[in-house]
């Protein structure tokens, strides 16, 4: 490869990642700042976990991202390490290391990049910036309501006002599968079809299992169990097993607690909603809005995850995908203000000292200032019109 070709290649980023700068990054930072302040107001303390962890923190037993989607590498001792695909197991590890079972609840807030080696056909970035919270050591419906209320108010703080948080419970579907005698392998195969409301694919799979027609119909009807709070009463009447009934009772208690925040208009229920993460044990939820094809937020309760790290603590939390949220705000025409532009102070060789003095005075008052020296001479070989923008396209 010629040296010029090598230099040209180095200008580009690997597939699945990109540069973010200028106004786009400024708006993103405004969004992050507003959400961070809301988390602070709820009493959540920031935590920073390592960008990479031991492989076992995200293993199949934990129930997190599939191994094939992890970025894996080795340290000099031969240990398998991975770039974090998900913050929750990392925070759970920290809670097990530093927390005490039965102690005061811990409230953590985080922000940073996650890495998933997704297929290029999915059209998703492999590196994404997430923000979120984890409430650890509190098993109540009131804790579930707190994190959902915090999510709703965080989205409202960014300027978003047309969105819905869809809520379900992982125990409802699992209870029905256990009642039908469906094993873990078949349950996992069913999960994507039920969650995607793919009625016919689920029916085809169920026809291959040794279950009654009535039980098959009951499982397929989960795809239809969505809507207002009235959905819960209908589901409870037909639950037929203790685990599913407990899941509905938990959702009803959550909804009652959420009403104390006056935010119930942003919530609907969907009992077919299931997560790709196996560690969720109770309430699960996702935030949807217009102008973006993916959920801008997701979360749930994971009461058994921390036990994998040696402590028995209940927990619930959520994460916000900042890229999707920023795209939703842009597509909906919701303005996100940028910080004020710096004051430009031009100078000549003779006026340099005076310009520096003025710039220092402005900065001491909290006003940004930039010094502009004598210019007008173009650097040969540069063409700003050909520089790629934040989206990778040339301007």
Protein backbone atom coordinates (compact mmCIF):
# COMPACT_ATOMS: atom_id res chain seq x y z
CA UNK A 1 0.00 0.00 0.00
CA UNK A 2 1.42 3.38 -1.02
CA UNK A 3 2.16 5.81 1.79
CA UNK A 4 -0.47 8.25 0.52
CA UNK A 5 -3.07 5.44 0.55
CA UNK A 6 -2.08 4.51 4.09
CA UNK A 7 -2.50 8.08 5.28
CA UNK A 8 -5.88 8.28 3.56
CA UNK A 9 -7.02 5.08 5.31
CA UNK A 10 -5.98 6.46 8.70
CA UNK A 11 -8.36 9.39 8.23
CA UNK A 12 -11.32 7.03 8.47
CA UNK A 13 -12.75 5.29 11.53
CA UNK A 14 -13.39 1.53 11.72
CA UNK A 15 -16.86 0.31 10.82
CA UNK A 16 -19.39 0.90 13.58
CA UNK A 17 -17.79 3.96 15.19
CA UNK A 18 -17.64 7.64 14.25
CA UNK A 19 -16.33 11.04 15.25
CA UNK A 20 -18.67 13.50 16.97
CA UNK A 21 -17.75 17.18 17.22
CA UNK A 22 -18.97 20.74 16.85
CA UNK A 23 -22.65 21.59 17.26
CA UNK A 24 -23.71 17.94 17.38
CA UNK A 25 -21.45 17.24 20.35
CA UNK A 26 -22.46 20.51 21.98
CA UNK A 27 -26.15 19.56 21.85
CA UNK A 28 -25.35 16.04 23.07
CA UNK A 29 -23.52 17.50 26.06
CA UNK A 30 -26.50 19.75 26.83
CA UNK A 31 -28.77 16.69 26.85
CA UNK A 32 -26.36 14.77 29.08
CA UNK A 33 -26.05 17.71 31.45
CA UNK A 34 -29.81 18.02 31.90
CA UNK A 35 -30.24 14.31 32.58
CA UNK A 36 -27.30 14.25 34.97
CA UNK A 37 -28.82 17.10 36.96
CA UNK A 38 -32.16 15.27 37.23
CA UNK A 39 -30.37 12.18 38.52
CA UNK A 40 -28.58 14.31 41.09
CA UNK A 41 -31.87 15.78 42.26
CA UNK A 42 -33.11 12.24 42.92
CA UNK A 43 -30.08 11.56 45.11
CA UNK A 44 -28.07 9.34 42.75
CA UNK A 45 -24.27 9.46 43.11
CA UNK A 46 -22.10 9.04 40.05
CA UNK A 47 -20.05 5.88 39.62
CA UNK A 48 -17.37 5.11 37.05
CA UNK A 49 -16.62 1.50 36.16
CA UNK A 50 -13.75 0.23 33.96
CA UNK A 51 -14.17 0.26 30.21
CA UNK A 52 -13.12 -3.39 30.14
CA UNK A 53 -13.77 -6.20 32.61
CA UNK A 54 -13.11 -9.92 32.98
CA UNK A 55 -15.13 -11.97 30.51
CA UNK A 56 -17.03 -13.73 33.31
CA UNK A 57 -18.72 -10.44 34.33
CA UNK A 58 -20.69 -10.70 31.06
CA UNK A 59 -20.85 -14.48 30.65
CA UNK A 60 -23.83 -16.56 29.59
CA UNK A 61 -24.48 -17.46 33.22
CA UNK A 62 -24.96 -13.76 34.00
CA UNK A 63 -27.54 -13.53 31.20
CA UNK A 64 -26.11 -10.52 29.37
CA UNK A 65 -24.88 -9.93 25.79
CA UNK A 66 -24.14 -13.08 23.72
CA UNK A 67 -20.44 -13.95 23.57
CA UNK A 68 -20.28 -13.56 19.79
CA UNK A 69 -21.23 -9.88 20.15
CA UNK A 70 -18.53 -9.04 22.68
CA UNK A 71 -15.22 -7.35 21.89
CA UNK A 72 -12.78 -9.86 23.47
CA UNK A 73 -9.03 -9.67 24.00
CA UNK A 74 -6.36 -11.02 26.38
CA UNK A 75 -4.13 -9.45 29.01
CA UNK A 76 -0.49 -10.48 29.49
CA UNK A 77 -1.52 -13.15 32.02
CA UNK A 78 -3.83 -14.77 29.47
CA UNK A 79 -7.10 -13.66 31.09
CA UNK A 80 -9.97 -13.06 28.67
CA UNK A 81 -11.18 -9.46 28.89
CA UNK A 82 -14.09 -7.71 27.17
CA UNK A 83 -15.09 -4.15 26.45
CA UNK A 84 -18.27 -3.58 28.47
CA UNK A 85 -21.42 -4.12 26.37
CA UNK A 86 -23.72 -3.12 29.23
CA UNK A 87 -23.28 -1.13 32.44
CA UNK A 88 -25.62 -3.07 34.72
CA UNK A 89 -23.39 -6.14 35.39
CA UNK A 90 -20.43 -3.81 36.07
CA UNK A 91 -22.42 -1.79 38.61
CA UNK A 92 -23.76 -5.03 40.11
CA UNK A 93 -20.17 -6.21 40.58
CA UNK A 94 -19.33 -2.93 42.34
CA UNK A 95 -22.38 -3.25 44.60
CA UNK A 96 -21.35 -6.77 45.60
CA UNK A 97 -17.80 -5.57 46.29
CA UNK A 98 -18.61 -2.44 48.30
CA UNK A 99 -22.19 -2.84 49.55
CA UNK A 100 -23.64 -4.64 52.54
CA UNK A 101 -26.80 -6.77 52.30
CA UNK A 102 -29.48 -5.27 54.51
CA UNK A 103 -27.76 -1.88 54.54
CA UNK A 104 -29.15 1.39 53.26
CA UNK A 105 -30.17 1.34 49.57
CA UNK A 106 -27.46 2.48 47.15
CA UNK A 107 -28.25 4.86 44.29
CA UNK A 108 -25.74 4.98 41.45
CA UNK A 109 -25.73 7.06 38.25
CA UNK A 110 -23.40 6.36 35.34
CA UNK A 111 -22.41 7.61 31.92
CA UNK A 112 -20.01 6.24 29.32
CA UNK A 113 -19.48 4.18 26.19
CA UNK A 114 -20.62 0.61 25.69
CA UNK A 115 -19.37 -1.67 22.92
CA UNK A 116 -21.31 -4.36 21.05
CA UNK A 117 -19.86 -6.07 17.99
CA UNK A 118 -23.14 -5.96 16.07
CA UNK A 119 -23.61 -7.07 12.49
CA UNK A 120 -23.12 -4.31 9.94
CA UNK A 121 -26.48 -5.34 8.47
CA UNK A 122 -28.23 -4.00 11.57
CA UNK A 123 -27.15 -0.44 10.79
CA UNK A 124 -26.25 0.24 14.44
CA UNK A 125 -23.17 1.83 15.90
CA UNK A 126 -20.86 -0.56 17.73
CA UNK A 127 -19.97 2.11 20.28
CA UNK A 128 -22.77 3.99 21.99
CA UNK A 129 -22.94 6.43 24.89
CA UNK A 130 -25.36 5.44 27.64
CA UNK A 131 -26.57 7.12 30.82
CA UNK A 132 -28.45 5.36 33.55
CA UNK A 133 -29.13 4.65 37.19
CA UNK A 134 -29.24 1.61 39.45
CA UNK A 135 -31.21 1.54 42.73
CA UNK A 136 -29.73 -1.35 44.74
CA UNK A 137 -31.02 -2.89 47.96
CA UNK A 138 -34.68 -1.87 47.65
CA UNK A 139 -37.16 -4.55 46.49
CA UNK A 140 -40.39 -2.53 46.63
CA UNK A 141 -42.90 -1.37 44.02
CA UNK A 142 -42.11 2.14 45.22
CA UNK A 143 -38.50 1.65 44.06
CA UNK A 144 -39.78 0.54 40.64
CA UNK A 145 -41.95 3.67 40.51
CA UNK A 146 -39.00 5.87 41.49
CA UNK A 147 -36.76 4.77 38.64
CA UNK A 148 -39.56 5.00 36.05
CA UNK A 149 -40.50 8.46 37.34
CA UNK A 150 -36.84 9.49 37.15
CA UNK A 151 -36.67 8.23 33.56
CA UNK A 152 -39.81 10.14 32.57
CA UNK A 153 -38.65 13.37 34.19
CA UNK A 154 -35.19 12.99 32.62
CA UNK A 155 -36.75 12.73 29.15
CA UNK A 156 -39.01 15.70 29.86
CA UNK A 157 -35.97 17.74 30.94
CA UNK A 158 -34.41 17.31 27.51
CA UNK A 159 -37.47 18.87 25.85
CA UNK A 160 -39.07 15.61 24.75
CA UNK A 161 -42.80 15.57 25.49
CA UNK A 162 -44.25 13.00 23.09
CA UNK A 163 -43.11 9.62 24.35
CA UNK A 164 -44.42 6.53 26.09
CA UNK A 165 -42.84 4.17 28.59
CA UNK A 166 -44.11 0.66 27.90
CA UNK A 167 -44.05 -1.55 31.00
CA UNK A 168 -44.21 -5.32 31.43
CA UNK A 169 -43.00 -7.97 33.84
CA UNK A 170 -40.61 -10.80 32.97
CA UNK A 171 -42.31 -13.09 35.48
CA UNK A 172 -45.66 -13.11 33.68
CA UNK A 173 -44.47 -14.93 30.56
CA UNK A 174 -42.11 -17.18 32.50
CA UNK A 175 -44.94 -18.21 34.80
CA UNK A 176 -47.10 -19.27 31.86
CA UNK A 177 -44.21 -21.19 30.28
CA UNK A 178 -43.59 -23.02 33.56
CA UNK A 179 -47.31 -23.82 33.82
CA UNK A 180 -47.17 -25.31 30.32
CA UNK A 181 -44.05 -27.34 31.13
CA UNK A 182 -41.93 -25.51 28.55
CA UNK A 183 -38.19 -25.79 29.25
CA UNK A 184 -35.60 -22.97 29.15
CA UNK A 185 -34.44 -23.71 25.59
CA UNK A 186 -37.93 -23.56 24.09
CA UNK A 187 -38.79 -20.55 26.27
CA UNK A 188 -35.78 -18.64 24.91
CA UNK A 189 -36.77 -19.56 21.35
CA UNK A 190 -40.30 -18.31 22.00
CA UNK A 191 -39.17 -15.08 23.62
CA UNK A 192 -38.20 -13.21 20.45
CA UNK A 193 -41.42 -14.20 18.67
CA UNK A 194 -43.64 -13.22 21.59
CA UNK A 195 -41.82 -9.94 22.21
CA UNK A 196 -41.89 -9.13 18.50
CA UNK A 197 -45.60 -9.98 18.39
CA UNK A 198 -44.86 -12.51 15.66
CA UNK A 199 -47.99 -14.57 16.27
CA UNK A 200 -47.52 -17.02 13.40
CA UNK A 201 -43.87 -17.79 14.12
CA UNK A 202 -44.74 -18.40 17.78
CA UNK A 203 -47.67 -20.63 16.77
CA UNK A 204 -45.43 -22.70 14.50
CA UNK A 205 -42.93 -23.22 17.30
CA UNK A 206 -45.64 -24.13 19.82
CA UNK A 207 -47.18 -26.68 17.47
CA UNK A 208 -43.94 -28.63 17.76
CA UNK A 209 -44.23 -28.82 21.56
CA UNK A 210 -46.21 -31.32 23.60
CA UNK A 211 -48.74 -28.92 25.13
CA UNK A 212 -52.53 -28.69 25.02
CA UNK A 213 -54.44 -26.52 22.56
CA UNK A 214 -55.75 -24.41 25.44
CA UNK A 215 -52.25 -23.74 26.78
CA UNK A 216 -50.95 -22.96 23.30
CA UNK A 217 -53.71 -20.40 22.85
CA UNK A 218 -52.97 -18.91 26.27
CA UNK A 219 -49.33 -18.36 25.35
CA UNK A 220 -50.23 -16.84 21.98
CA UNK A 221 -52.66 -14.46 23.65
CA UNK A 222 -49.71 -12.89 25.49
CA UNK A 223 -48.92 -11.10 22.22
CA UNK A 224 -52.27 -9.28 22.55
CA UNK A 225 -51.92 -8.30 26.23
CA UNK A 226 -51.09 -4.61 25.79
CA UNK A 227 -52.77 -1.29 26.49
CA UNK A 228 -53.91 0.76 29.46
CA UNK A 229 -53.96 -0.28 33.12
CA UNK A 230 -57.18 -2.19 32.39
CA UNK A 231 -54.96 -4.75 30.63
CA UNK A 232 -53.65 -5.79 34.03
CA UNK A 233 -57.09 -6.70 35.36
CA UNK A 234 -57.81 -8.80 32.28
CA UNK A 235 -54.43 -10.55 32.52
CA UNK A 236 -54.86 -11.24 36.23
CA UNK A 237 -58.22 -12.89 35.65
CA UNK A 238 -56.67 -15.34 33.18
CA UNK A 239 -53.21 -15.79 34.70
CA UNK A 240 -53.83 -19.25 36.16
CA UNK A 241 -50.54 -19.62 38.06
CA UNK A 242 -48.96 -17.99 41.10
CA UNK A 243 -45.90 -16.55 39.32
CA UNK A 244 -47.92 -14.79 36.64
CA UNK A 245 -50.41 -13.54 39.22
CA UNK A 246 -47.56 -12.17 41.36
CA UNK A 247 -46.17 -10.38 38.31
CA UNK A 248 -49.50 -8.67 37.66
CA UNK A 249 -49.91 -7.77 41.33
CA UNK A 250 -46.44 -6.21 41.20
CA UNK A 251 -47.36 -4.12 38.17
CA UNK A 252 -50.56 -2.93 39.82
CA UNK A 253 -48.61 -1.90 42.95
CA UNK A 254 -46.06 -0.11 40.75
CA UNK A 255 -48.79 1.80 38.93
CA UNK A 256 -50.40 2.83 42.19
CA UNK A 257 -47.05 4.17 43.44
CA UNK A 258 -46.35 5.98 40.16
CA UNK A 259 -49.58 7.93 40.48
CA UNK A 260 -47.98 9.75 43.39
CA UNK A 261 -45.66 11.41 40.86
CA UNK A 262 -48.52 12.42 38.56
CA UNK A 263 -46.75 10.84 35.58
CA UNK A 264 -48.99 7.87 34.79
CA UNK A 265 -50.08 9.44 31.48
CA UNK A 266 -46.66 8.52 30.06
CA UNK A 267 -47.04 4.82 30.92
CA UNK A 268 -48.76 1.94 29.12
CA UNK A 269 -48.52 -1.81 29.67
CA UNK A 270 -47.33 -4.61 27.39
CA UNK A 271 -47.09 -8.10 28.89
CA UNK A 272 -45.51 -9.47 25.72
CA UNK A 273 -42.47 -7.22 26.17
CA UNK A 274 -39.44 -9.33 27.03
CA UNK A 275 -35.76 -8.42 27.21
CA UNK A 276 -32.74 -9.96 25.50
CA UNK A 277 -31.07 -9.82 28.93
CA UNK A 278 -31.91 -12.92 30.97
CA UNK A 279 -31.04 -11.29 34.28
CA UNK A 280 -34.33 -9.36 34.51
CA UNK A 281 -36.66 -10.94 37.07
CA UNK A 282 -39.53 -8.45 37.51
CA UNK A 283 -40.69 -5.20 35.98
CA UNK A 284 -39.19 -4.38 32.57
CA UNK A 285 -39.78 -1.23 30.55
CA UNK A 286 -38.76 0.67 27.43
CA UNK A 287 -39.18 4.29 26.36
CA UNK A 288 -40.39 4.97 22.82
CA UNK A 289 -40.88 8.19 20.90
CA UNK A 290 -41.28 9.47 17.34
CA UNK A 291 -38.53 9.85 14.76
CA UNK A 292 -36.31 6.94 15.80
CA UNK A 293 -36.80 3.23 15.20
CA UNK A 294 -35.33 2.01 18.48
CA UNK A 295 -36.22 2.46 22.13
CA UNK A 296 -34.50 5.55 23.56
CA UNK A 297 -34.41 3.96 27.03
CA UNK A 298 -34.80 0.57 28.69
CA UNK A 299 -34.60 -0.95 32.13
CA UNK A 300 -36.02 -3.30 34.69
CA UNK A 301 -35.64 -5.21 37.94
CA UNK A 302 -32.85 -7.77 38.39
CA UNK A 303 -33.09 -9.22 41.89
CA UNK A 304 -30.74 -12.18 41.32
CA UNK A 305 -27.95 -10.64 39.24
CA UNK A 306 -25.82 -9.40 42.14
CA UNK A 307 -25.85 -12.89 43.69
CA UNK A 308 -23.56 -13.98 40.83
CA UNK A 309 -20.92 -11.75 42.45
CA UNK A 310 -21.43 -13.10 45.97
CA UNK A 311 -24.06 -10.83 47.50
CA UNK A 312 -27.84 -11.17 47.61
CA UNK A 313 -29.31 -7.75 46.81
CA UNK A 314 -32.44 -6.73 44.88
CA UNK A 315 -32.01 -3.98 42.30
CA UNK A 316 -33.77 -1.99 39.58
CA UNK A 317 -32.49 0.53 37.05
CA UNK A 318 -32.58 1.97 33.54
CA UNK A 319 -30.32 3.25 30.78
CA UNK A 320 -30.83 5.97 28.16
CA UNK A 321 -29.31 5.70 24.68
CA UNK A 322 -28.09 9.25 24.13
CA UNK A 323 -27.65 8.85 20.34
CA UNK A 324 -31.25 7.74 19.86
CA UNK A 325 -32.53 10.46 22.18
CA UNK A 326 -30.58 13.15 20.35
CA UNK A 327 -31.88 11.87 17.00
CA UNK A 328 -35.46 11.88 18.30
CA UNK A 329 -35.13 15.49 19.43
CA UNK A 330 -33.65 16.49 16.08
CA UNK A 331 -36.31 14.71 14.01
CA UNK A 332 -39.10 16.24 16.11
CA UNK A 333 -37.67 19.74 15.65
CA UNK A 334 -37.04 20.22 19.38
CA UNK A 335 -34.28 22.77 19.83
CA UNK A 336 -31.42 21.88 22.13
CA UNK A 337 -29.47 25.04 22.96
CA UNK A 338 -25.74 25.23 22.50
CA UNK A 339 -23.42 27.02 24.93
CA UNK A 340 -22.93 30.70 23.96
CA UNK A 341 -20.36 31.18 21.23
CA UNK A 342 -17.05 32.57 22.50
CA UNK A 343 -16.28 36.26 22.07
CA UNK A 344 -13.79 36.61 19.22
CA UNK A 345 -10.92 39.04 19.89
CA UNK A 346 -8.76 39.89 16.91
CA UNK A 347 -5.24 41.13 17.48
CA UNK A 348 -2.13 42.25 15.70
CA UNK A 349 1.41 41.89 16.90
CA UNK A 350 1.16 45.34 18.43
CA UNK A 351 -2.20 44.78 20.16
CA UNK A 352 -1.52 41.25 21.43
CA UNK A 353 -0.98 42.18 25.09
CA UNK A 354 -4.17 44.23 25.16
CA UNK A 355 -6.14 41.38 23.53
CA UNK A 356 -4.84 38.87 26.06
CA UNK A 357 -5.81 41.18 28.92
CA UNK A 358 -9.35 41.53 27.58
CA UNK A 359 -9.68 37.78 27.06
CA UNK A 360 -8.58 37.11 30.63
CA UNK A 361 -11.12 39.59 31.99
CA UNK A 362 -13.93 37.91 30.05
CA UNK A 363 -12.90 34.42 31.16
CA UNK A 364 -12.74 35.49 34.80
CA UNK A 365 -16.39 36.56 34.44
CA UNK A 366 -17.32 33.17 32.98
CA UNK A 367 -17.49 34.32 29.34
CA UNK A 368 -15.66 32.24 26.73
CA UNK A 369 -13.17 34.17 24.61
CA UNK A 370 -10.95 33.16 21.71
CA UNK A 371 -7.97 35.05 20.32
CA UNK A 372 -7.76 35.45 16.54
CA UNK A 373 -4.35 36.36 15.26
CA UNK A 374 -3.41 37.84 11.88
CA UNK A 375 -4.76 35.54 9.20
CA UNK A 376 -5.81 35.45 5.60
CA UNK A 377 -3.21 33.04 4.26
CA UNK A 378 -4.72 29.71 3.24
CA UNK A 379 -2.83 26.52 4.00
CA UNK A 380 -2.03 24.86 0.64
CA UNK A 381 -3.89 21.65 -0.10
CA UNK A 382 -6.83 22.23 2.26
CA UNK A 383 -10.42 22.23 1.10
CA UNK A 384 -12.87 22.66 3.97
CA UNK A 385 -15.83 21.94 1.71
CA UNK A 386 -14.55 18.38 1.36
CA UNK A 387 -14.20 17.70 5.07
CA UNK A 388 -16.61 15.04 6.40
CA UNK A 389 -19.27 16.19 8.84
CA UNK A 390 -20.30 14.38 12.03
CA UNK A 391 -22.53 12.05 10.03
CA UNK A 392 -19.63 10.99 7.80
CA UNK A 393 -20.89 12.89 4.76
CA UNK A 394 -18.86 15.64 3.12
CA UNK A 395 -20.12 19.15 3.62
